[in-house]
Amino acid sequence: DEVEAQWRICDPVVRRWEDEAEPLVQYP
């Protein structure tokens, strides 16, 4: 249940980022 609780926090972010296609900010 701990593993799944961690994923419930991060999974929406992962899915949102996968749907976004714009180039990422670059840092040196």
mmCIF file of all heavy atoms, coordinates in Angstrom:
data_MODEL
# 
_entry.id   MODEL 
# 
loop_
_atom_site.group_PDB 
_atom_site.id 
_atom_site.type_symbol 
_atom_site.label_atom_id 
_atom_site.label_alt_id 
_atom_site.label_comp_id 
_atom_site.label_asym_id 
_atom_site.label_entity_id 
_atom_site.label_seq_id 
_atom_site.pdbx_PDB_ins_code 
_atom_site.Cartn_x 
_atom_site.Cartn_y 
_atom_site.Cartn_z 
_atom_site.occupancy 
_atom_site.B_iso_or_equiv 
_atom_site.pdbx_formal_charge 
_atom_site.auth_seq_id 
_atom_site.auth_comp_id 
_atom_site.auth_asym_id 
_atom_site.auth_atom_id 
_atom_site.pdbx_PDB_model_num 
ATOM 1   N N   . ASP A 1 1  ? 0.824  -1.211 0.000   1.00 0.00 ? 1  ASP A N   1 
ATOM 2   C CA  . ASP A 1 1  ? 0.000  0.000  0.000   1.00 0.00 ? 1  ASP A CA  1 
ATOM 3   C C   . ASP A 1 1  ? 0.858  1.261  0.000   1.00 0.00 ? 1  ASP A C   1 
ATOM 4   O O   . ASP A 1 1  ? 0.438  2.317  -0.501  1.00 0.00 ? 1  ASP A O   1 
ATOM 5   C CB  . ASP A 1 1  ? -0.961 0.006  1.187   1.00 0.00 ? 1  ASP A CB  1 
ATOM 6   C CG  . ASP A 1 1  ? -0.270 -0.145 2.538   1.00 0.00 ? 1  ASP A CG  1 
ATOM 7   O OD1 . ASP A 1 1  ? 0.895  -0.575 2.569   1.00 0.00 ? 1  ASP A OD1 1 
ATOM 8   O OD2 . ASP A 1 1  ? -0.897 0.167  3.567   1.00 0.00 ? 1  ASP A OD2 1 
ATOM 9   N N   . GLU A 1 2  ? 2.077  1.162  0.529   1.00 0.00 ? 2  GLU A N   1 
ATOM 10  C CA  . GLU A 1 2  ? 3.001  2.293  0.535   1.00 0.00 ? 2  GLU A CA  1 
ATOM 11  C C   . GLU A 1 2  ? 3.455  2.623  -0.885  1.00 0.00 ? 2  GLU A C   1 
ATOM 12  O O   . GLU A 1 2  ? 3.492  3.790  -1.301  1.00 0.00 ? 2  GLU A O   1 
ATOM 13  C CB  . GLU A 1 2  ? 4.201  1.935  1.410   1.00 0.00 ? 2  GLU A CB  1 
ATOM 14  C CG  . GLU A 1 2  ? 5.056  3.087  1.865   1.00 0.00 ? 2  GLU A CG  1 
ATOM 15  C CD  . GLU A 1 2  ? 6.114  2.618  2.848   1.00 0.00 ? 2  GLU A CD  1 
ATOM 16  O OE1 . GLU A 1 2  ? 6.038  1.475  3.349   1.00 0.00 ? 2  GLU A OE1 1 
ATOM 17  O OE2 . GLU A 1 2  ? 7.019  3.418  3.117   1.00 0.00 ? 2  GLU A OE2 1 
ATOM 18  N N   . VAL A 1 3  ? 3.797  1.586  -1.653  1.00 0.00 ? 3  VAL A N   1 
ATOM 19  C CA  . VAL A 1 3  ? 4.213  1.776  -3.047  1.00 0.00 ? 3  VAL A CA  1 
ATOM 20  C C   . VAL A 1 3  ? 3.092  2.426  -3.851  1.00 0.00 ? 3  VAL A C   1 
ATOM 21  O O   . VAL A 1 3  ? 3.311  3.382  -4.610  1.00 0.00 ? 3  VAL A O   1 
ATOM 22  C CB  . VAL A 1 3  ? 4.614  0.424  -3.682  1.00 0.00 ? 3  VAL A CB  1 
ATOM 23  C CG1 . VAL A 1 3  ? 4.824  0.577  -5.185  1.00 0.00 ? 3  VAL A CG1 1 
ATOM 24  C CG2 . VAL A 1 3  ? 5.878  -0.120 -3.037  1.00 0.00 ? 3  VAL A CG2 1 
ATOM 25  N N   . GLU A 1 4  ? 1.891  1.925  -3.689  1.00 0.00 ? 4  GLU A N   1 
ATOM 26  C CA  . GLU A 1 4  ? 0.770  2.461  -4.459  1.00 0.00 ? 4  GLU A CA  1 
ATOM 27  C C   . GLU A 1 4  ? 0.437  3.891  -4.029  1.00 0.00 ? 4  GLU A C   1 
ATOM 28  O O   . GLU A 1 4  ? 0.071  4.723  -4.875  1.00 0.00 ? 4  GLU A O   1 
ATOM 29  C CB  . GLU A 1 4  ? -0.435 1.539  -4.307  1.00 0.00 ? 4  GLU A CB  1 
ATOM 30  C CG  . GLU A 1 4  ? -0.216 0.181  -4.971  1.00 0.00 ? 4  GLU A CG  1 
ATOM 31  C CD  . GLU A 1 4  ? -1.362 -0.790 -4.763  1.00 0.00 ? 4  GLU A CD  1 
ATOM 32  O OE1 . GLU A 1 4  ? -2.464 -0.333 -4.360  1.00 0.00 ? 4  GLU A OE1 1 
ATOM 33  O OE2 . GLU A 1 4  ? -1.174 -1.998 -4.984  1.00 0.00 ? 4  GLU A OE2 1 
ATOM 34  N N   . ALA A 1 5  ? 0.577  4.201  -2.751  1.00 0.00 ? 5  ALA A N   1 
ATOM 35  C CA  . ALA A 1 5  ? 0.327  5.572  -2.287  1.00 0.00 ? 5  ALA A CA  1 
ATOM 36  C C   . ALA A 1 5  ? 1.344  6.546  -2.880  1.00 0.00 ? 5  ALA A C   1 
ATOM 37  O O   . ALA A 1 5  ? 0.998  7.684  -3.223  1.00 0.00 ? 5  ALA A O   1 
ATOM 38  C CB  . ALA A 1 5  ? 0.369  5.619  -0.766  1.00 0.00 ? 5  ALA A CB  1 
ATOM 39  N N   . GLN A 1 6  ? 2.597  6.117  -3.003  1.00 0.00 ? 6  GLN A N   1 
ATOM 40  C CA  . GLN A 1 6  ? 3.611  6.967  -3.635  1.00 0.00 ? 6  GLN A CA  1 
ATOM 41  C C   . GLN A 1 6  ? 3.257  7.224  -5.093  1.00 0.00 ? 6  GLN A C   1 
ATOM 42  O O   . GLN A 1 6  ? 3.392  8.349  -5.590  1.00 0.00 ? 6  GLN A O   1 
ATOM 43  C CB  . GLN A 1 6  ? 4.989  6.299  -3.527  1.00 0.00 ? 6  GLN A CB  1 
ATOM 44  C CG  . GLN A 1 6  ? 5.544  6.264  -2.123  1.00 0.00 ? 6  GLN A CG  1 
ATOM 45  C CD  . GLN A 1 6  ? 6.833  5.474  -1.999  1.00 0.00 ? 6  GLN A CD  1 
ATOM 46  O OE1 . GLN A 1 6  ? 7.420  5.421  -0.941  1.00 0.00 ? 6  GLN A OE1 1 
ATOM 47  N NE2 . GLN A 1 6  ? 7.282  4.846  -3.067  1.00 0.00 ? 6  GLN A NE2 1 
ATOM 48  N N   . TRP A 1 7  ? 2.813  6.189  -5.783  1.00 0.00 ? 7  TRP A N   1 
ATOM 49  C CA  . TRP A 1 7  ? 2.463  6.354  -7.188  1.00 0.00 ? 7  TRP A CA  1 
ATOM 50  C C   . TRP A 1 7  ? 1.225  7.238  -7.372  1.00 0.00 ? 7  TRP A C   1 
ATOM 51  O O   . TRP A 1 7  ? 1.114  7.956  -8.365  1.00 0.00 ? 7  TRP A O   1 
ATOM 52  C CB  . TRP A 1 7  ? 2.247  4.993  -7.854  1.00 0.00 ? 7  TRP A CB  1 
ATOM 53  C CG  . TRP A 1 7  ? 3.516  4.437  -8.430  1.00 0.00 ? 7  TRP A CG  1 
ATOM 54  C CD1 . TRP A 1 7  ? 4.178  3.313  -8.059  1.00 0.00 ? 7  TRP A CD1 1 
ATOM 55  C CD2 . TRP A 1 7  ? 4.285  5.020  -9.477  1.00 0.00 ? 7  TRP A CD2 1 
ATOM 56  N NE1 . TRP A 1 7  ? 5.318  3.165  -8.816  1.00 0.00 ? 7  TRP A NE1 1 
ATOM 57  C CE2 . TRP A 1 7  ? 5.408  4.202  -9.695  1.00 0.00 ? 7  TRP A CE2 1 
ATOM 58  C CE3 . TRP A 1 7  ? 4.139  6.171  -10.264 1.00 0.00 ? 7  TRP A CE3 1 
ATOM 59  C CZ2 . TRP A 1 7  ? 6.377  4.478  -10.662 1.00 0.00 ? 7  TRP A CZ2 1 
ATOM 60  C CZ3 . TRP A 1 7  ? 5.101  6.455  -11.226 1.00 0.00 ? 7  TRP A CZ3 1 
ATOM 61  C CH2 . TRP A 1 7  ? 6.204  5.614  -11.412 1.00 0.00 ? 7  TRP A CH2 1 
ATOM 62  N N   . ARG A 1 8  ? 0.300  7.211  -6.420  1.00 0.00 ? 8  ARG A N   1 
ATOM 63  C CA  . ARG A 1 8  ? -0.900 8.047  -6.560  1.00 0.00 ? 8  ARG A CA  1 
ATOM 64  C C   . ARG A 1 8  ? -0.555 9.532  -6.501  1.00 0.00 ? 8  ARG A C   1 
ATOM 65  O O   . ARG A 1 8  ? -1.284 10.362 -7.042  1.00 0.00 ? 8  ARG A O   1 
ATOM 66  C CB  . ARG A 1 8  ? -1.922 7.685  -5.478  1.00 0.00 ? 8  ARG A CB  1 
ATOM 67  C CG  . ARG A 1 8  ? -2.624 6.370  -5.747  1.00 0.00 ? 8  ARG A CG  1 
ATOM 68  C CD  . ARG A 1 8  ? -3.820 6.121  -4.826  1.00 0.00 ? 8  ARG A CD  1 
ATOM 69  N NE  . ARG A 1 8  ? -4.556 4.945  -5.270  1.00 0.00 ? 8  ARG A NE  1 
ATOM 70  C CZ  . ARG A 1 8  ? -4.305 3.706  -4.854  1.00 0.00 ? 8  ARG A CZ  1 
ATOM 71  N NH1 . ARG A 1 8  ? -3.358 3.515  -3.943  1.00 0.00 ? 8  ARG A NH1 1 
ATOM 72  N NH2 . ARG A 1 8  ? -5.001 2.686  -5.315  1.00 0.00 ? 8  ARG A NH2 1 
ATOM 73  N N   . ILE A 1 9  ? 0.563  9.867  -5.881  1.00 0.00 ? 9  ILE A N   1 
ATOM 74  C CA  . ILE A 1 9  ? 1.022  11.259 -5.858  1.00 0.00 ? 9  ILE A CA  1 
ATOM 75  C C   . ILE A 1 9  ? 1.684  11.635 -7.176  1.00 0.00 ? 9  ILE A C   1 
ATOM 76  O O   . ILE A 1 9  ? 1.436  12.711 -7.731  1.00 0.00 ? 9  ILE A O   1 
ATOM 77  C CB  . ILE A 1 9  ? 2.001  11.473 -4.692  1.00 0.00 ? 9  ILE A CB  1 
ATOM 78  C CG1 . ILE A 1 9  ? 1.299  11.249 -3.353  1.00 0.00 ? 9  ILE A CG1 1 
ATOM 79  C CG2 . ILE A 1 9  ? 2.625  12.873 -4.738  1.00 0.00 ? 9  ILE A CG2 1 
ATOM 80  C CD1 . ILE A 1 9  ? 2.247  11.167 -2.167  1.00 0.00 ? 9  ILE A CD1 1 
ATOM 81  N N   . CYS A 1 10 ? 2.503  10.732 -7.713  1.00 0.00 ? 10 CYS A N   1 
ATOM 82  C CA  . CYS A 1 10 ? 3.339  11.062 -8.874  1.00 0.00 ? 10 CYS A CA  1 
ATOM 83  C C   . CYS A 1 10 ? 2.716  10.693 -10.216 1.00 0.00 ? 10 CYS A C   1 
ATOM 84  O O   . CYS A 1 10 ? 3.074  11.284 -11.244 1.00 0.00 ? 10 CYS A O   1 
ATOM 85  C CB  . CYS A 1 10 ? 4.699  10.368 -8.746  1.00 0.00 ? 10 CYS A CB  1 
ATOM 86  S SG  . CYS A 1 10 ? 5.710  10.989 -7.390  1.00 0.00 ? 10 CYS A SG  1 
ATOM 87  N N   . ASP A 1 11 ? 1.804  9.718  -10.226 1.00 0.00 ? 11 ASP A N   1 
ATOM 88  C CA  . ASP A 1 11 ? 1.271  9.238  -11.507 1.00 0.00 ? 11 ASP A CA  1 
ATOM 89  C C   . ASP A 1 11 ? 0.576  10.330 -12.323 1.00 0.00 ? 11 ASP A C   1 
ATOM 90  O O   . ASP A 1 11 ? 0.786  10.412 -13.546 1.00 0.00 ? 11 ASP A O   1 
ATOM 91  C CB  . ASP A 1 11 ? 0.319  8.064  -11.261 1.00 0.00 ? 11 ASP A CB  1 
ATOM 92  C CG  . ASP A 1 11 ? 0.000  7.307  -12.541 1.00 0.00 ? 11 ASP A CG  1 
ATOM 93  O OD1 . ASP A 1 11 ? 0.930  6.728  -13.128 1.00 0.00 ? 11 ASP A OD1 1 
ATOM 94  O OD2 . ASP A 1 11 ? -1.180 7.301  -12.947 1.00 0.00 ? 11 ASP A OD2 1 
ATOM 95  N N   . PRO A 1 12 ? -0.254 11.198 -11.716 1.00 0.00 ? 12 PRO A N   1 
ATOM 96  C CA  . PRO A 1 12 ? -0.859 12.254 -12.528 1.00 0.00 ? 12 PRO A CA  1 
ATOM 97  C C   . PRO A 1 12 ? 0.167  13.185 -13.175 1.00 0.00 ? 12 PRO A C   1 
ATOM 98  O O   . PRO A 1 12 ? -0.040 13.667 -14.292 1.00 0.00 ? 12 PRO A O   1 
ATOM 99  C CB  . PRO A 1 12 ? -1.736 13.016 -11.521 1.00 0.00 ? 12 PRO A CB  1 
ATOM 100 C CG  . PRO A 1 12 ? -2.012 12.036 -10.424 1.00 0.00 ? 12 PRO A CG  1 
ATOM 101 C CD  . PRO A 1 12 ? -0.765 11.212 -10.322 1.00 0.00 ? 12 PRO A CD  1 
ATOM 102 N N   . VAL A 1 13 ? 1.277  13.439 -12.494 1.00 0.00 ? 13 VAL A N   1 
ATOM 103 C CA  . VAL A 1 13 ? 2.328  14.281 -13.056 1.00 0.00 ? 13 VAL A CA  1 
ATOM 104 C C   . VAL A 1 13 ? 2.987  13.581 -14.232 1.00 0.00 ? 13 VAL A C   1 
ATOM 105 O O   . VAL A 1 13 ? 3.224  14.176 -15.295 1.00 0.00 ? 13 VAL A O   1 
ATOM 106 C CB  . VAL A 1 13 ? 3.377  14.632 -11.982 1.00 0.00 ? 13 VAL A CB  1 
ATOM 107 C CG1 . VAL A 1 13 ? 4.477  15.516 -12.569 1.00 0.00 ? 13 VAL A CG1 1 
ATOM 108 C CG2 . VAL A 1 13 ? 2.725  15.314 -10.795 1.00 0.00 ? 13 VAL A CG2 1 
ATOM 109 N N   . VAL A 1 14 ? 3.295  12.294 -14.064 1.00 0.00 ? 14 VAL A N   1 
ATOM 110 C CA  . VAL A 1 14 ? 3.922  11.516 -15.145 1.00 0.00 ? 14 VAL A CA  1 
ATOM 111 C C   . VAL A 1 14 ? 3.042  11.529 -16.378 1.00 0.00 ? 14 VAL A C   1 
ATOM 112 O O   . VAL A 1 14 ? 3.508  11.770 -17.502 1.00 0.00 ? 14 VAL A O   1 
ATOM 113 C CB  . VAL A 1 14 ? 4.176  10.065 -14.683 1.00 0.00 ? 14 VAL A CB  1 
ATOM 114 C CG1 . VAL A 1 14 ? 4.567  9.179  -15.858 1.00 0.00 ? 14 VAL A CG1 1 
ATOM 115 C CG2 . VAL A 1 14 ? 5.258  10.022 -13.616 1.00 0.00 ? 14 VAL A CG2 1 
ATOM 116 N N   . ARG A 1 15 ? 1.760  11.282 -16.206 1.00 0.00 ? 15 ARG A N   1 
ATOM 117 C CA  . ARG A 1 15 ? 0.838  11.234 -17.348 1.00 0.00 ? 15 ARG A CA  1 
ATOM 118 C C   . ARG A 1 15 ? 0.706  12.599 -18.019 1.00 0.00 ? 15 ARG A C   1 
ATOM 119 O O   . ARG A 1 15 ? 0.632  12.701 -19.248 1.00 0.00 ? 15 ARG A O   1 
ATOM 120 C CB  . ARG A 1 15 ? -0.532 10.716 -16.897 1.00 0.00 ? 15 ARG A CB  1 
ATOM 121 C CG  . ARG A 1 15 ? -0.484 9.264  -16.422 1.00 0.00 ? 15 ARG A CG  1 
ATOM 122 C CD  . ARG A 1 15 ? -1.869 8.747  -16.061 1.00 0.00 ? 15 ARG A CD  1 
ATOM 123 N NE  . ARG A 1 15 ? -1.831 7.382  -15.580 1.00 0.00 ? 15 ARG A NE  1 
ATOM 124 C CZ  . ARG A 1 15 ? -1.758 6.299  -16.355 1.00 0.00 ? 15 ARG A CZ  1 
ATOM 125 N NH1 . ARG A 1 15 ? -1.723 6.449  -17.670 1.00 0.00 ? 15 ARG A NH1 1 
ATOM 126 N NH2 . ARG A 1 15 ? -1.735 5.090  -15.828 1.00 0.00 ? 15 ARG A NH2 1 
ATOM 127 N N   . ARG A 1 16 ? 0.674  13.652 -17.218 1.00 0.00 ? 16 ARG A N   1 
ATOM 128 C CA  . ARG A 1 16 ? 0.563  14.994 -17.779 1.00 0.00 ? 16 ARG A CA  1 
ATOM 129 C C   . ARG A 1 16 ? 1.795  15.331 -18.602 1.00 0.00 ? 16 ARG A C   1 
ATOM 130 O O   . ARG A 1 16 ? 1.696  15.880 -19.701 1.00 0.00 ? 16 ARG A O   1 
ATOM 131 C CB  . ARG A 1 16 ? 0.359  15.998 -16.641 1.00 0.00 ? 16 ARG A CB  1 
ATOM 132 C CG  . ARG A 1 16 ? -0.030 17.395 -17.119 1.00 0.00 ? 16 ARG A CG  1 
ATOM 133 C CD  . ARG A 1 16 ? -0.684 18.169 -15.981 1.00 0.00 ? 16 ARG A CD  1 
ATOM 134 N NE  . ARG A 1 16 ? 0.212  18.374 -14.858 1.00 0.00 ? 16 ARG A NE  1 
ATOM 135 C CZ  . ARG A 1 16 ? -0.077 18.039 -13.602 1.00 0.00 ? 16 ARG A CZ  1 
ATOM 136 N NH1 . ARG A 1 16 ? -1.224 17.449 -13.315 1.00 0.00 ? 16 ARG A NH1 1 
ATOM 137 N NH2 . ARG A 1 16 ? 0.785  18.282 -12.624 1.00 0.00 ? 16 ARG A NH2 1 
ATOM 138 N N   . TRP A 1 17 ? 2.971  14.998 -18.076 1.00 0.00 ? 17 TRP A N   1 
ATOM 139 C CA  . TRP A 1 17 ? 4.205  15.293 -18.802 1.00 0.00 ? 17 TRP A CA  1 
ATOM 140 C C   . TRP A 1 17 ? 4.309  14.481 -20.092 1.00 0.00 ? 17 TRP A C   1 
ATOM 141 O O   . TRP A 1 17 ? 4.845  14.954 -21.088 1.00 0.00 ? 17 TRP A O   1 
ATOM 142 C CB  . TRP A 1 17 ? 5.407  15.021 -17.901 1.00 0.00 ? 17 TRP A CB  1 
ATOM 143 C CG  . TRP A 1 17 ? 5.629  16.098 -16.876 1.00 0.00 ? 17 TRP A CG  1 
ATOM 144 C CD1 . TRP A 1 17 ? 4.948  17.281 -16.759 1.00 0.00 ? 17 TRP A CD1 1 
ATOM 145 C CD2 . TRP A 1 17 ? 6.596  16.090 -15.814 1.00 0.00 ? 17 TRP A CD2 1 
ATOM 146 N NE1 . TRP A 1 17 ? 5.429  18.005 -15.699 1.00 0.00 ? 17 TRP A NE1 1 
ATOM 147 C CE2 . TRP A 1 17 ? 6.445  17.309 -15.102 1.00 0.00 ? 17 TRP A CE2 1 
ATOM 148 C CE3 . TRP A 1 17 ? 7.557  15.185 -15.404 1.00 0.00 ? 17 TRP A CE3 1 
ATOM 149 C CZ2 . TRP A 1 17 ? 7.242  17.624 -14.004 1.00 0.00 ? 17 TRP A CZ2 1 
ATOM 150 C CZ3 . TRP A 1 17 ? 8.352  15.495 -14.305 1.00 0.00 ? 17 TRP A CZ3 1 
ATOM 151 C CH2 . TRP A 1 17 ? 8.199  16.710 -13.615 1.00 0.00 ? 17 TRP A CH2 1 
ATOM 152 N N   . GLU A 1 18 ? 3.805  13.253 -20.065 1.00 0.00 ? 18 GLU A N   1 
ATOM 153 C CA  . GLU A 1 18 ? 3.853  12.434 -21.281 1.00 0.00 ? 18 GLU A CA  1 
ATOM 154 C C   . GLU A 1 18 ? 2.989  13.016 -22.393 1.00 0.00 ? 18 GLU A C   1 
ATOM 155 O O   . GLU A 1 18 ? 3.265  12.813 -23.580 1.00 0.00 ? 18 GLU A O   1 
ATOM 156 C CB  . GLU A 1 18 ? 3.395  11.009 -20.969 1.00 0.00 ? 18 GLU A CB  1 
ATOM 157 C CG  . GLU A 1 18 ? 4.419  10.204 -20.178 1.00 0.00 ? 18 GLU A CG  1 
ATOM 158 C CD  . GLU A 1 18 ? 3.919  8.817  -19.816 1.00 0.00 ? 18 GLU A CD  1 
ATOM 159 O OE1 . GLU A 1 18 ? 2.692  8.575  -19.918 1.00 0.00 ? 18 GLU A OE1 1 
ATOM 160 O OE2 . GLU A 1 18 ? 4.752  7.979  -19.439 1.00 0.00 ? 18 GLU A OE2 1 
ATOM 161 N N   . ASP A 1 19 ? 1.947  13.754 -22.029 1.00 0.00 ? 19 ASP A N   1 
ATOM 162 C CA  . ASP A 1 19 ? 1.047  14.353 -23.026 1.00 0.00 ? 19 ASP A CA  1 
ATOM 163 C C   . ASP A 1 19 ? 1.549  15.696 -23.554 1.00 0.00 ? 19 ASP A C   1 
ATOM 164 O O   . ASP A 1 19 ? 1.004  16.219 -24.526 1.00 0.00 ? 19 ASP A O   1 
ATOM 165 C CB  . ASP A 1 19 ? -0.345 14.538 -22.421 1.00 0.00 ? 19 ASP A CB  1 
ATOM 166 C CG  . ASP A 1 19 ? -1.025 13.218 -22.129 1.00 0.00 ? 19 ASP A CG  1 
ATOM 167 O OD1 . ASP A 1 19 ? -0.629 12.211 -22.748 1.00 0.00 ? 19 ASP A OD1 1 
ATOM 168 O OD2 . ASP A 1 19 ? -1.924 13.181 -21.260 1.00 0.00 ? 19 ASP A OD2 1 
ATOM 169 N N   . GLU A 1 20 ? 2.571  16.267 -22.878 1.00 0.00 ? 20 GLU A N   1 
ATOM 170 C CA  . GLU A 1 20 ? 3.083  17.575 -23.297 1.00 0.00 ? 20 GLU A CA  1 
ATOM 171 C C   . GLU A 1 20 ? 4.284  17.389 -24.215 1.00 0.00 ? 20 GLU A C   1 
ATOM 172 O O   . GLU A 1 20 ? 5.217  16.640 -23.904 1.00 0.00 ? 20 GLU A O   1 
ATOM 173 C CB  . GLU A 1 20 ? 3.484  18.393 -22.063 1.00 0.00 ? 20 GLU A CB  1 
ATOM 174 C CG  . GLU A 1 20 ? 2.293  18.739 -21.168 1.00 0.00 ? 20 GLU A CG  1 
ATOM 175 C CD  . GLU A 1 20 ? 2.715  19.417 -19.873 1.00 0.00 ? 20 GLU A CD  1 
ATOM 176 O OE1 . GLU A 1 20 ? 3.945  19.473 -19.607 1.00 0.00 ? 20 GLU A OE1 1 
ATOM 177 O OE2 . GLU A 1 20 ? 1.839  19.879 -19.135 1.00 0.00 ? 20 GLU A OE2 1 
ATOM 178 N N   . ALA A 1 21 ? 4.280  18.077 -25.340 1.00 0.00 ? 21 ALA A N   1 
ATOM 179 C CA  . ALA A 1 21 ? 5.308  17.847 -26.356 1.00 0.00 ? 21 ALA A CA  1 
ATOM 180 C C   . ALA A 1 21 ? 6.271  19.015 -26.542 1.00 0.00 ? 21 ALA A C   1 
ATOM 181 O O   . ALA A 1 21 ? 7.195  18.924 -27.336 1.00 0.00 ? 21 ALA A O   1 
ATOM 182 C CB  . ALA A 1 21 ? 4.627  17.544 -27.702 1.00 0.00 ? 21 ALA A CB  1 
ATOM 183 N N   . GLU A 1 22 ? 6.080  20.118 -25.804 1.00 0.00 ? 22 GLU A N   1 
ATOM 184 C CA  . GLU A 1 22 ? 6.951  21.264 -26.017 1.00 0.00 ? 22 GLU A CA  1 
ATOM 185 C C   . GLU A 1 22 ? 8.362  20.977 -25.498 1.00 0.00 ? 22 GLU A C   1 
ATOM 186 O O   . GLU A 1 22 ? 8.538  20.191 -24.551 1.00 0.00 ? 22 GLU A O   1 
ATOM 187 C CB  . GLU A 1 22 ? 6.395  22.526 -25.357 1.00 0.00 ? 22 GLU A CB  1 
ATOM 188 C CG  . GLU A 1 22 ? 6.345  22.493 -23.848 1.00 0.00 ? 22 GLU A CG  1 
ATOM 189 C CD  . GLU A 1 22 ? 5.035  21.944 -23.328 1.00 0.00 ? 22 GLU A CD  1 
ATOM 190 O OE1 . GLU A 1 22 ? 4.292  21.342 -24.141 1.00 0.00 ? 22 GLU A OE1 1 
ATOM 191 O OE2 . GLU A 1 22 ? 4.759  22.092 -22.124 1.00 0.00 ? 22 GLU A OE2 1 
ATOM 192 N N   . PRO A 1 23 ? 9.394  21.584 -26.105 1.00 0.00 ? 23 PRO A N   1 
ATOM 193 C CA  . PRO A 1 23 ? 10.782 21.374 -25.641 1.00 0.00 ? 23 PRO A CA  1 
ATOM 194 C C   . PRO A 1 23 ? 10.939 21.798 -24.185 1.00 0.00 ? 23 PRO A C   1 
ATOM 195 O O   . PRO A 1 23 ? 10.279 22.722 -23.710 1.00 0.00 ? 23 PRO A O   1 
ATOM 196 C CB  . PRO A 1 23 ? 11.600 22.274 -26.576 1.00 0.00 ? 23 PRO A CB  1 
ATOM 197 C CG  . PRO A 1 23 ? 10.739 22.476 -27.774 1.00 0.00 ? 23 PRO A CG  1 
ATOM 198 C CD  . PRO A 1 23 ? 9.321  22.456 -27.277 1.00 0.00 ? 23 PRO A CD  1 
ATOM 199 N N   . LEU A 1 24 ? 11.824 21.107 -23.488 1.00 0.00 ? 24 LEU A N   1 
ATOM 200 C CA  . LEU A 1 24 ? 12.034 21.403 -22.076 1.00 0.00 ? 24 LEU A CA  1 
ATOM 201 C C   . LEU A 1 24 ? 13.013 22.551 -21.891 1.00 0.00 ? 24 LEU A C   1 
ATOM 202 O O   . LEU A 1 24 ? 13.872 22.806 -22.724 1.00 0.00 ? 24 LEU A O   1 
ATOM 203 C CB  . LEU A 1 24 ? 12.584 20.168 -21.347 1.00 0.00 ? 24 LEU A CB  1 
ATOM 204 C CG  . LEU A 1 24 ? 11.723 18.904 -21.390 1.00 0.00 ? 24 LEU A CG  1 
ATOM 205 C CD1 . LEU A 1 24 ? 12.314 17.849 -20.467 1.00 0.00 ? 24 LEU A CD1 1 
ATOM 206 C CD2 . LEU A 1 24 ? 10.290 19.195 -20.997 1.00 0.00 ? 24 LEU A CD2 1 
ATOM 207 N N   . VAL A 1 25 ? 12.854 23.253 -20.768 1.00 0.00 ? 25 VAL A N   1 
ATOM 208 C CA  . VAL A 1 25 ? 13.827 24.268 -20.366 1.00 0.00 ? 25 VAL A CA  1 
ATOM 209 C C   . VAL A 1 25 ? 15.189 23.605 -20.218 1.00 0.00 ? 25 VAL A C   1 
ATOM 210 O O   . VAL A 1 25 ? 15.304 22.495 -19.697 1.00 0.00 ? 25 VAL A O   1 
ATOM 211 C CB  . VAL A 1 25 ? 13.399 24.918 -19.033 1.00 0.00 ? 25 VAL A CB  1 
ATOM 212 C CG1 . VAL A 1 25 ? 14.511 25.803 -18.478 1.00 0.00 ? 25 VAL A CG1 1 
ATOM 213 C CG2 . VAL A 1 25 ? 12.105 25.696 -19.215 1.00 0.00 ? 25 VAL A CG2 1 
ATOM 214 N N   . GLN A 1 26 ? 16.247 24.271 -20.702 1.00 0.00 ? 26 GLN A N   1 
ATOM 215 C CA  . GLN A 1 26 ? 17.608 23.758 -20.593 1.00 0.00 ? 26 GLN A CA  1 
ATOM 216 C C   . GLN A 1 26 ? 18.364 24.524 -19.498 1.00 0.00 ? 26 GLN A C   1 
ATOM 217 O O   . GLN A 1 26 ? 18.190 25.730 -19.361 1.00 0.00 ? 26 GLN A O   1 
ATOM 218 C CB  . GLN A 1 26 ? 18.349 23.921 -21.918 1.00 0.00 ? 26 GLN A CB  1 
ATOM 219 C CG  . GLN A 1 26 ? 17.703 23.197 -23.092 1.00 0.00 ? 26 GLN A CG  1 
ATOM 220 C CD  . GLN A 1 26 ? 18.030 21.715 -23.102 1.00 0.00 ? 26 GLN A CD  1 
ATOM 221 O OE1 . GLN A 1 26 ? 19.184 21.317 -23.087 1.00 0.00 ? 26 GLN A OE1 1 
ATOM 222 N NE2 . GLN A 1 26 ? 16.979 20.893 -23.112 1.00 0.00 ? 26 GLN A NE2 1 
ATOM 223 N N   . TYR A 1 27 ? 19.176 23.795 -18.735 1.00 0.00 ? 27 TYR A N   1 
ATOM 224 C CA  . TYR A 1 27 ? 20.068 24.443 -17.766 1.00 0.00 ? 27 TYR A CA  1 
ATOM 225 C C   . TYR A 1 27 ? 21.486 23.955 -18.029 1.00 0.00 ? 27 TYR A C   1 
ATOM 226 O O   . TYR A 1 27 ? 21.690 22.810 -18.447 1.00 0.00 ? 27 TYR A O   1 
ATOM 227 C CB  . TYR A 1 27 ? 19.644 24.143 -16.325 1.00 0.00 ? 27 TYR A CB  1 
ATOM 228 C CG  . TYR A 1 27 ? 19.678 22.681 -15.927 1.00 0.00 ? 27 TYR A CG  1 
ATOM 229 C CD1 . TYR A 1 27 ? 20.795 22.120 -15.285 1.00 0.00 ? 27 TYR A CD1 1 
ATOM 230 C CD2 . TYR A 1 27 ? 18.586 21.843 -16.167 1.00 0.00 ? 27 TYR A CD2 1 
ATOM 231 C CE1 . TYR A 1 27 ? 20.821 20.791 -14.914 1.00 0.00 ? 27 TYR A CE1 1 
ATOM 232 C CE2 . TYR A 1 27 ? 18.606 20.513 -15.803 1.00 0.00 ? 27 TYR A CE2 1 
ATOM 233 C CZ  . TYR A 1 27 ? 19.724 19.988 -15.177 1.00 0.00 ? 27 TYR A CZ  1 
ATOM 234 O OH  . TYR A 1 27 ? 19.744 18.668 -14.814 1.00 0.00 ? 27 TYR A OH  1 
ATOM 235 N N   . PRO A 1 28 ? 22.495 24.803 -17.839 1.00 0.00 ? 28 PRO A N   1 
ATOM 236 C CA  . PRO A 1 28 ? 23.872 24.398 -18.132 1.00 0.00 ? 28 PRO A CA  1 
ATOM 237 C C   . PRO A 1 28 ? 24.347 23.300 -17.188 1.00 0.00 ? 28 PRO A C   1 
ATOM 238 O O   . PRO A 1 28 ? 24.136 23.371 -15.972 1.00 0.00 ? 28 PRO A O   1 
ATOM 239 C CB  . PRO A 1 28 ? 24.686 25.678 -17.934 1.00 0.00 ? 28 PRO A CB  1 
ATOM 240 C CG  . PRO A 1 28 ? 23.680 26.789 -17.906 1.00 0.00 ? 28 PRO A CG  1 
ATOM 241 C CD  . PRO A 1 28 ? 22.417 26.204 -17.392 1.00 0.00 ? 28 PRO A CD  1 
# 
